[in-house]
Structures are given as structure tokens and as C-alpha cells.
Amino acid sequence: MAKSFPHSFEVCKCKHVTLGEVIHSIKERNAKNIKEIGELTDAGTCCKCCQNPESDFGTEKMELYLDEIINKFVK
């Protein structure tokens, strides 16, 4: 996650979940994986393209994936 993203950046386009919501689910609600983030925010529960590059079947790849966020914030 070399690029800096604002908390308003939409990580999950299907469910309109922002980076700030995902970070909140990790830091304040103790989500530890994609499944728990999905349960708390709905991110990654529809088409799953935002989960990781392997799940991204779109012609235009996502700029940021949930697994990258987890790797940065979950210790």
C-alpha cells in the first residue's frame, strides 16, 4: 500500500464501503480478516473483486484491496 489514500476512498464499489469504514472495523471493532470485515461493513460480500488481486475479474483493476489493508493494520 505505497500510495496514500484518504479515508473517504471507496474500497468496495458494490457496497460503497470506504477505507475509513474498513479501518474502523479493524481498529475499533477488532476485525482480523476479510470475512469479519465483510460481516461488519459488507465490504467484499458481493462480487468480491475488492478482496484481493486474484479475485478481481474486472478489466480495470482496483487500486486498493482488502487484503492489503489487513496486512497493514492487523498485527
PDB file of N, CA and C in Angstrom:
ATOM      1  N   MET A   1       0.854  -1.160   0.000  1.00  0.00           N
ATOM      2  CA  MET A   1       0.000   0.000   0.000  1.00  0.00           C
ATOM      3  C   MET A   1       0.907   1.232   0.000  1.00  0.00           C
ATOM      4  N   ALA A   2       1.609   1.420  -1.083  1.00  0.00           N
ATOM      5  CA  ALA A   2       2.567   2.508  -1.186  1.00  0.00           C
ATOM      6  C   ALA A   2       1.879   3.865  -1.356  1.00  0.00           C
ATOM      7  N   LYS A   3       0.789   3.885  -2.075  1.00  0.00           N
ATOM      8  CA  LYS A   3       0.065   5.130  -2.304  1.00  0.00           C
ATOM      9  C   LYS A   3      -0.759   5.488  -1.073  1.00  0.00           C
ATOM     10  N   SER A   4      -0.880   6.769  -0.811  1.00  0.00           N
ATOM     11  CA  SER A   4      -1.680   7.229   0.317  1.00  0.00           C
ATOM     12  C   SER A   4      -3.123   7.462  -0.142  1.00  0.00           C
ATOM     13  N   PHE A   5      -4.070   6.886   0.554  1.00  0.00           N
ATOM     14  CA  PHE A   5      -5.482   7.006   0.212  1.00  0.00           C
ATOM     15  C   PHE A   5      -6.217   7.753   1.326  1.00  0.00           C
ATOM     16  N   PRO A   6      -7.164   8.633   0.976  1.00  0.00           N
ATOM     17  CA  PRO A   6      -7.965   9.294   2.006  1.00  0.00           C
ATOM     18  C   PRO A   6      -8.960   8.303   2.610  1.00  0.00           C
ATOM     19  N   HIS A   7      -9.409   8.570   3.812  1.00  0.00           N
ATOM     20  CA  HIS A   7     -10.378   7.680   4.464  1.00  0.00           C
ATOM     21  C   HIS A   7     -11.690   7.618   3.684  1.00  0.00           C
ATOM     22  N   SER A   8     -11.952   8.607   2.841  1.00  0.00           N
ATOM     23  CA  SER A   8     -13.177   8.613   2.041  1.00  0.00           C
ATOM     24  C   SER A   8     -13.058   7.773   0.771  1.00  0.00           C
ATOM     25  N   PHE A   9     -11.863   7.200   0.508  1.00  0.00           N
ATOM     26  CA  PHE A   9     -11.658   6.378  -0.686  1.00  0.00           C
ATOM     27  C   PHE A   9     -12.565   5.153  -0.629  1.00  0.00           C
ATOM     28  N   GLU A  10     -13.301   4.903  -1.707  1.00  0.00           N
ATOM     29  CA  GLU A  10     -14.233   3.772  -1.761  1.00  0.00           C
ATOM     30  C   GLU A  10     -13.474   2.498  -2.100  1.00  0.00           C
ATOM     31  N   VAL A  11     -13.345   1.619  -1.129  1.00  0.00           N
ATOM     32  CA  VAL A  11     -12.633   0.356  -1.300  1.00  0.00           C
ATOM     33  C   VAL A  11     -13.537  -0.665  -1.997  1.00  0.00           C
ATOM     34  N   CYS A  12     -14.777  -0.758  -1.551  1.00  0.00           N
ATOM     35  CA  CYS A  12     -15.750  -1.696  -2.130  1.00  0.00           C
ATOM     36  C   CYS A  12     -16.791  -0.898  -2.896  1.00  0.00           C
ATOM     37  N   LYS A  13     -16.730  -1.007  -4.220  1.00  0.00           N
ATOM     38  CA  LYS A  13     -17.638  -0.225  -5.062  1.00  0.00           C
ATOM     39  C   LYS A  13     -19.067  -0.792  -5.056  1.00  0.00           C
ATOM     40  N   CYS A  14     -19.217  -2.089  -4.898  1.00  0.00           N
ATOM     41  CA  CYS A  14     -20.555  -2.698  -4.888  1.00  0.00           C
ATOM     42  C   CYS A  14     -21.378  -2.215  -3.688  1.00  0.00           C
ATOM     43  N   LYS A  15     -20.738  -2.177  -2.530  1.00  0.00           N
ATOM     44  CA  LYS A  15     -21.430  -1.835  -1.283  1.00  0.00           C
ATOM     45  C   LYS A  15     -21.111  -0.426  -0.796  1.00  0.00           C
ATOM     46  N   HIS A  16     -20.287   0.311  -1.561  1.00  0.00           N
ATOM     47  CA  HIS A  16     -19.931   1.702  -1.241  1.00  0.00           C
ATOM     48  C   HIS A  16     -19.311   1.835   0.148  1.00  0.00           C
ATOM     49  N   VAL A  17     -18.336   0.960   0.433  1.00  0.00           N
ATOM     50  CA  VAL A  17     -17.651   0.971   1.725  1.00  0.00           C
ATOM     51  C   VAL A  17     -16.326   1.708   1.570  1.00  0.00           C
ATOM     52  N   THR A  18     -16.067   2.641   2.481  1.00  0.00           N
ATOM     53  CA  THR A  18     -14.859   3.453   2.396  1.00  0.00           C
ATOM     54  C   THR A  18     -13.701   2.831   3.178  1.00  0.00           C
ATOM     55  N   LEU A  19     -12.529   3.332   2.883  1.00  0.00           N
ATOM     56  CA  LEU A  19     -11.330   2.915   3.606  1.00  0.00           C
ATOM     57  C   LEU A  19     -11.482   3.209   5.094  1.00  0.00           C
ATOM     58  N   GLY A  20     -12.039   4.354   5.421  1.00  0.00           N
ATOM     59  CA  GLY A  20     -12.248   4.714   6.820  1.00  0.00           C
ATOM     60  C   GLY A  20     -13.120   3.705   7.554  1.00  0.00           C
ATOM     61  N   GLU A  21     -14.169   3.223   6.882  1.00  0.00           N
ATOM     62  CA  GLU A  21     -15.051   2.220   7.497  1.00  0.00           C
ATOM     63  C   GLU A  21     -14.308   0.903   7.715  1.00  0.00           C
ATOM     64  N   VAL A  22     -13.474   0.527   6.753  1.00  0.00           N
ATOM     65  CA  VAL A  22     -12.708  -0.716   6.880  1.00  0.00           C
ATOM     66  C   VAL A  22     -11.698  -0.586   8.021  1.00  0.00           C
ATOM     67  N   ILE A  23     -10.987   0.534   8.074  1.00  0.00           N
ATOM     68  CA  ILE A  23     -10.016   0.741   9.149  1.00  0.00           C
ATOM     69  C   ILE A  23     -10.723   0.744  10.504  1.00  0.00           C
ATOM     70  N   HIS A  24     -11.876   1.376  10.593  1.00  0.00           N
ATOM     71  CA  HIS A  24     -12.643   1.381  11.844  1.00  0.00           C
ATOM     72  C   HIS A  24     -13.019  -0.043  12.255  1.00  0.00           C
ATOM     73  N   SER A  25     -13.421  -0.861  11.285  1.00  0.00           N
ATOM     74  CA  SER A  25     -13.796  -2.242  11.615  1.00  0.00           C
ATOM     75  C   SER A  25     -12.608  -3.031  12.149  1.00  0.00           C
ATOM     76  N   ILE A  26     -11.403  -2.682  11.701  1.00  0.00           N
ATOM     77  CA  ILE A  26     -10.194  -3.365  12.178  1.00  0.00           C
ATOM     78  C   ILE A  26      -9.759  -2.821  13.536  1.00  0.00           C
ATOM     79  N   LYS A  27      -9.609  -1.510  13.614  1.00  0.00           N
ATOM     80  CA  LYS A  27      -9.054  -0.899  14.833  1.00  0.00           C
ATOM     81  C   LYS A  27     -10.028  -0.854  16.004  1.00  0.00           C
ATOM     82  N   GLU A  28     -11.283  -0.544  15.740  1.00  0.00           N
ATOM     83  CA  GLU A  28     -12.247  -0.348  16.820  1.00  0.00           C
ATOM     84  C   GLU A  28     -13.157  -1.557  17.068  1.00  0.00           C
ATOM     85  N   ARG A  29     -13.361  -2.366  16.030  1.00  0.00           N
ATOM     86  CA  ARG A  29     -14.283  -3.498  16.181  1.00  0.00           C
ATOM     87  C   ARG A  29     -13.575  -4.843  16.066  1.00  0.00           C
ATOM     88  N   ASN A  30     -12.238  -4.791  15.977  1.00  0.00           N
ATOM     89  CA  ASN A  30     -11.369  -5.975  16.044  1.00  0.00           C
ATOM     90  C   ASN A  30     -11.527  -6.987  14.909  1.00  0.00           C
ATOM     91  N   ALA A  31     -11.897  -6.530  13.709  1.00  0.00           N
ATOM     92  CA  ALA A  31     -11.930  -7.436  12.559  1.00  0.00           C
ATOM     93  C   ALA A  31     -10.502  -7.870  12.240  1.00  0.00           C
ATOM     94  N   LYS A  32     -10.327  -9.149  11.974  1.00  0.00           N
ATOM     95  CA  LYS A  32      -8.989  -9.681  11.740  1.00  0.00           C
ATOM     96  C   LYS A  32      -8.797 -10.271  10.348  1.00  0.00           C
ATOM     97  N   ASN A  33      -9.887 -10.392   9.579  1.00  0.00           N
ATOM     98  CA  ASN A  33      -9.781 -10.978   8.248  1.00  0.00           C
ATOM     99  C   ASN A  33     -10.904 -10.439   7.351  1.00  0.00           C
ATOM    100  N   ILE A  34     -10.861 -10.836   6.093  1.00  0.00           N
ATOM    101  CA  ILE A  34     -11.837 -10.341   5.111  1.00  0.00           C
ATOM    102  C   ILE A  34     -13.259 -10.728   5.507  1.00  0.00           C
ATOM    103  N   LYS A  35     -13.432 -11.915   6.023  1.00  0.00           N
ATOM    104  CA  LYS A  35     -14.777 -12.368   6.420  1.00  0.00           C
ATOM    105  C   LYS A  35     -15.352 -11.472   7.519  1.00  0.00           C
ATOM    106  N   GLU A  36     -14.549 -11.166   8.524  1.00  0.00           N
ATOM    107  CA  GLU A  36     -15.018 -10.318   9.623  1.00  0.00           C
ATOM    108  C   GLU A  36     -15.266  -8.885   9.160  1.00  0.00           C
ATOM    109  N   ILE A  37     -14.422  -8.370   8.273  1.00  0.00           N
ATOM    110  CA  ILE A  37     -14.651  -7.033   7.713  1.00  0.00           C
ATOM    111  C   ILE A  37     -15.975  -7.025   6.959  1.00  0.00           C
ATOM    112  N   GLY A  38     -16.238  -8.076   6.193  1.00  0.00           N
ATOM    113  CA  GLY A  38     -17.494  -8.191   5.457  1.00  0.00           C
ATOM    114  C   GLY A  38     -18.700  -8.240   6.375  1.00  0.00           C
ATOM    115  N   GLU A  39     -18.583  -8.952   7.478  1.00  0.00           N
ATOM    116  CA  GLU A  39     -19.689  -9.039   8.436  1.00  0.00           C
ATOM    117  C   GLU A  39     -19.990  -7.684   9.070  1.00  0.00           C
ATOM    118  N   LEU A  40     -18.960  -6.877   9.283  1.00  0.00           N
ATOM    119  CA  LEU A  40     -19.129  -5.583   9.937  1.00  0.00           C
ATOM    120  C   LEU A  40     -19.470  -4.441   8.975  1.00  0.00           C
ATOM    121  N   THR A  41     -18.989  -4.534   7.727  1.00  0.00           N
ATOM    122  CA  THR A  41     -19.150  -3.409   6.792  1.00  0.00           C
ATOM    123  C   THR A  41     -19.861  -3.766   5.495  1.00  0.00           C
ATOM    124  N   ASP A  42     -19.993  -5.026   5.169  1.00  0.00           N
ATOM    125  CA  ASP A  42     -20.492  -5.544   3.890  1.00  0.00           C
ATOM    126  C   ASP A  42     -19.447  -5.491   2.778  1.00  0.00           C
ATOM    127  N   ALA A  43     -18.266  -4.944   3.032  1.00  0.00           N
ATOM    128  CA  ALA A  43     -17.215  -4.896   2.014  1.00  0.00           C
ATOM    129  C   ALA A  43     -16.802  -6.309   1.612  1.00  0.00           C
ATOM    130  N   GLY A  44     -16.649  -6.518   0.324  1.00  0.00           N
ATOM    131  CA  GLY A  44     -16.184  -7.808  -0.178  1.00  0.00           C
ATOM    132  C   GLY A  44     -17.215  -8.912  -0.167  1.00  0.00           C
ATOM    133  N   THR A  45     -18.489  -8.583   0.024  1.00  0.00           N
ATOM    134  CA  THR A  45     -19.516  -9.621   0.121  1.00  0.00           C
ATOM    135  C   THR A  45     -20.337  -9.787  -1.157  1.00  0.00           C
ATOM    136  N   CYS A  46     -20.120  -8.936  -2.127  1.00  0.00           N
ATOM    137  CA  CYS A  46     -20.920  -9.019  -3.357  1.00  0.00           C
ATOM    138  C   CYS A  46     -20.097  -9.693  -4.466  1.00  0.00           C
ATOM    139  N   CYS A  47     -19.402  -8.929  -5.271  1.00  0.00           N
ATOM    140  CA  CYS A  47     -18.645  -9.524  -6.388  1.00  0.00           C
ATOM    141  C   CYS A  47     -17.272 -10.033  -5.954  1.00  0.00           C
ATOM    142  N   LYS A  48     -16.786  -9.569  -4.809  1.00  0.00           N
ATOM    143  CA  LYS A  48     -15.521  -9.984  -4.194  1.00  0.00           C
ATOM    144  C   LYS A  48     -14.271  -9.457  -4.902  1.00  0.00           C
ATOM    145  N   CYS A  49     -14.416  -8.578  -5.897  1.00  0.00           N
ATOM    146  CA  CYS A  49     -13.257  -8.014  -6.598  1.00  0.00           C
ATOM    147  C   CYS A  49     -12.341  -7.229  -5.673  1.00  0.00           C
ATOM    148  N   CYS A  50     -12.882  -6.654  -4.617  1.00  0.00           N
ATOM    149  CA  CYS A  50     -12.079  -5.817  -3.717  1.00  0.00           C
ATOM    150  C   CYS A  50     -11.294  -6.631  -2.698  1.00  0.00           C
ATOM    151  N   GLN A  51     -11.500  -7.938  -2.647  1.00  0.00           N
ATOM    152  CA  GLN A  51     -10.818  -8.744  -1.635  1.00  0.00           C
ATOM    153  C   GLN A  51      -9.318  -8.844  -1.877  1.00  0.00           C
ATOM    154  N   ASN A  52      -8.917  -9.182  -3.104  1.00  0.00           N
ATOM    155  CA  ASN A  52      -7.505  -9.318  -3.454  1.00  0.00           C
ATOM    156  C   ASN A  52      -7.363  -9.362  -4.970  1.00  0.00           C
ATOM    157  N   PRO A  53      -6.143  -9.195  -5.499  1.00  0.00           N
ATOM    158  CA  PRO A  53      -5.971  -9.181  -6.957  1.00  0.00           C
ATOM    159  C   PRO A  53      -6.434 -10.465  -7.643  1.00  0.00           C
ATOM    160  N   GLU A  54      -6.317 -11.591  -6.958  1.00  0.00           N
ATOM    161  CA  GLU A  54      -6.725 -12.870  -7.545  1.00  0.00           C
ATOM    162  C   GLU A  54      -8.239 -12.945  -7.751  1.00  0.00           C
ATOM    163  N   SER A  55      -9.000 -12.271  -6.921  1.00  0.00           N
ATOM    164  CA  SER A  55     -10.463 -12.271  -7.025  1.00  0.00           C
ATOM    165  C   SER A  55     -10.985 -11.203  -7.979  1.00  0.00           C
ATOM    166  N   ASP A  56     -10.122 -10.293  -8.387  1.00  0.00           N
ATOM    167  CA  ASP A  56     -10.521  -9.158  -9.221  1.00  0.00           C
ATOM    168  C   ASP A  56     -10.603  -9.586 -10.681  1.00  0.00           C
ATOM    169  N   PHE A  57     -11.821  -9.781 -11.159  1.00  0.00           N
ATOM    170  CA  PHE A  57     -12.028 -10.216 -12.537  1.00  0.00           C
ATOM    171  C   PHE A  57     -12.322  -9.055 -13.488  1.00  0.00           C
ATOM    172  N   GLY A  58     -12.328  -7.843 -12.969  1.00  0.00           N
ATOM    173  CA  GLY A  58     -12.640  -6.664 -13.777  1.00  0.00           C
ATOM    174  C   GLY A  58     -11.543  -6.342 -14.781  1.00  0.00           C
ATOM    175  N   THR A  59     -11.923  -5.627 -15.821  1.00  0.00           N
ATOM    176  CA  THR A  59     -10.940  -5.222 -16.827  1.00  0.00           C
ATOM    177  C   THR A  59     -10.060  -4.101 -16.298  1.00  0.00           C
ATOM    178  N   GLU A  60     -10.600  -3.305 -15.391  1.00  0.00           N
ATOM    179  CA  GLU A  60      -9.841  -2.245 -14.747  1.00  0.00           C
ATOM    180  C   GLU A  60      -9.620  -2.649 -13.291  1.00  0.00           C
ATOM    181  N   LYS A  61      -8.385  -2.945 -12.929  1.00  0.00           N
ATOM    182  CA  LYS A  61      -8.084  -3.456 -11.589  1.00  0.00           C
ATOM    183  C   LYS A  61      -8.319  -2.397 -10.514  1.00  0.00           C
ATOM    184  N   MET A  62      -8.626  -2.871  -9.324  1.00  0.00           N
ATOM    185  CA  MET A  62      -8.834  -1.993  -8.166  1.00  0.00           C
ATOM    186  C   MET A  62      -7.502  -1.351  -7.787  1.00  0.00           C
ATOM    187  N   GLU A  63      -7.563  -0.197  -7.149  1.00  0.00           N
ATOM    188  CA  GLU A  63      -6.348   0.482  -6.697  1.00  0.00           C
ATOM    189  C   GLU A  63      -5.893  -0.018  -5.333  1.00  0.00           C
ATOM    190  N   LEU A  64      -6.829  -0.542  -4.547  1.00  0.00           N
ATOM    191  CA  LEU A  64      -6.549  -0.973  -3.184  1.00  0.00           C
ATOM    192  C   LEU A  64      -7.444  -2.160  -2.850  1.00  0.00           C
ATOM    193  N   TYR A  65      -6.862  -3.188  -2.241  1.00  0.00           N
ATOM    194  CA  TYR A  65      -7.602  -4.399  -1.901  1.00  0.00           C
ATOM    195  C   TYR A  65      -7.689  -4.582  -0.384  1.00  0.00           C
ATOM    196  N   LEU A  66      -8.736  -5.270   0.040  1.00  0.00           N
ATOM    197  CA  LEU A  66      -8.929  -5.525   1.467  1.00  0.00           C
ATOM    198  C   LEU A  66      -7.743  -6.257   2.087  1.00  0.00           C
ATOM    199  N   ASP A  67      -7.171  -7.208   1.360  1.00  0.00           N
ATOM    200  CA  ASP A  67      -6.036  -7.948   1.945  1.00  0.00           C
ATOM    201  C   ASP A  67      -4.836  -7.034   2.185  1.00  0.00           C
ATOM    202  N   GLU A  68      -4.653  -5.996   1.365  1.00  0.00           N
ATOM    203  CA  GLU A  68      -3.573  -5.034   1.593  1.00  0.00           C
ATOM    204  C   GLU A  68      -3.817  -4.232   2.875  1.00  0.00           C
ATOM    205  N   ILE A  69      -5.077  -3.863   3.090  1.00  0.00           N
ATOM    206  CA  ILE A  69      -5.440  -3.098   4.287  1.00  0.00           C
ATOM    207  C   ILE A  69      -5.222  -3.970   5.530  1.00  0.00           C
ATOM    208  N   ILE A  70      -5.650  -5.207   5.451  1.00  0.00           N
ATOM    209  CA  ILE A  70      -5.476  -6.140   6.574  1.00  0.00           C
ATOM    210  C   ILE A  70      -3.985  -6.314   6.876  1.00  0.00           C
ATOM    211  N   ASN A  71      -3.184  -6.501   5.845  1.00  0.00           N
ATOM    212  CA  ASN A  71      -1.739  -6.687   6.055  1.00  0.00           C
ATOM    213  C   ASN A  71      -1.094  -5.475   6.725  1.00  0.00           C
ATOM    214  N   LYS A  72      -1.627  -4.294   6.482  1.00  0.00           N
ATOM    215  CA  LYS A  72      -1.060  -3.085   7.096  1.00  0.00           C
ATOM    216  C   LYS A  72      -1.517  -2.898   8.545  1.00  0.00           C
ATOM    217  N   PHE A  73      -2.765  -3.224   8.849  1.00  0.00           N
ATOM    218  CA  PHE A  73      -3.321  -2.878  10.154  1.00  0.00           C
ATOM    219  C   PHE A  73      -3.483  -4.037  11.135  1.00  0.00           C
ATOM    220  N   VAL A  74      -3.561  -5.270  10.665  1.00  0.00           N
ATOM    221  CA  VAL A  74      -3.735  -6.414  11.584  1.00  0.00           C
ATOM    222  C   VAL A  74      -2.352  -6.968  11.913  1.00  0.00           C
ATOM    223  N   LYS A  75      -2.056  -6.955  13.183  1.00  0.00           N
ATOM    224  CA  LYS A  75      -0.740  -7.437  13.638  1.00  0.00           C
ATOM    225  C   LYS A  75      -0.865  -8.807  14.260  1.00  0.00           C
TER     226      LYS A  75
END
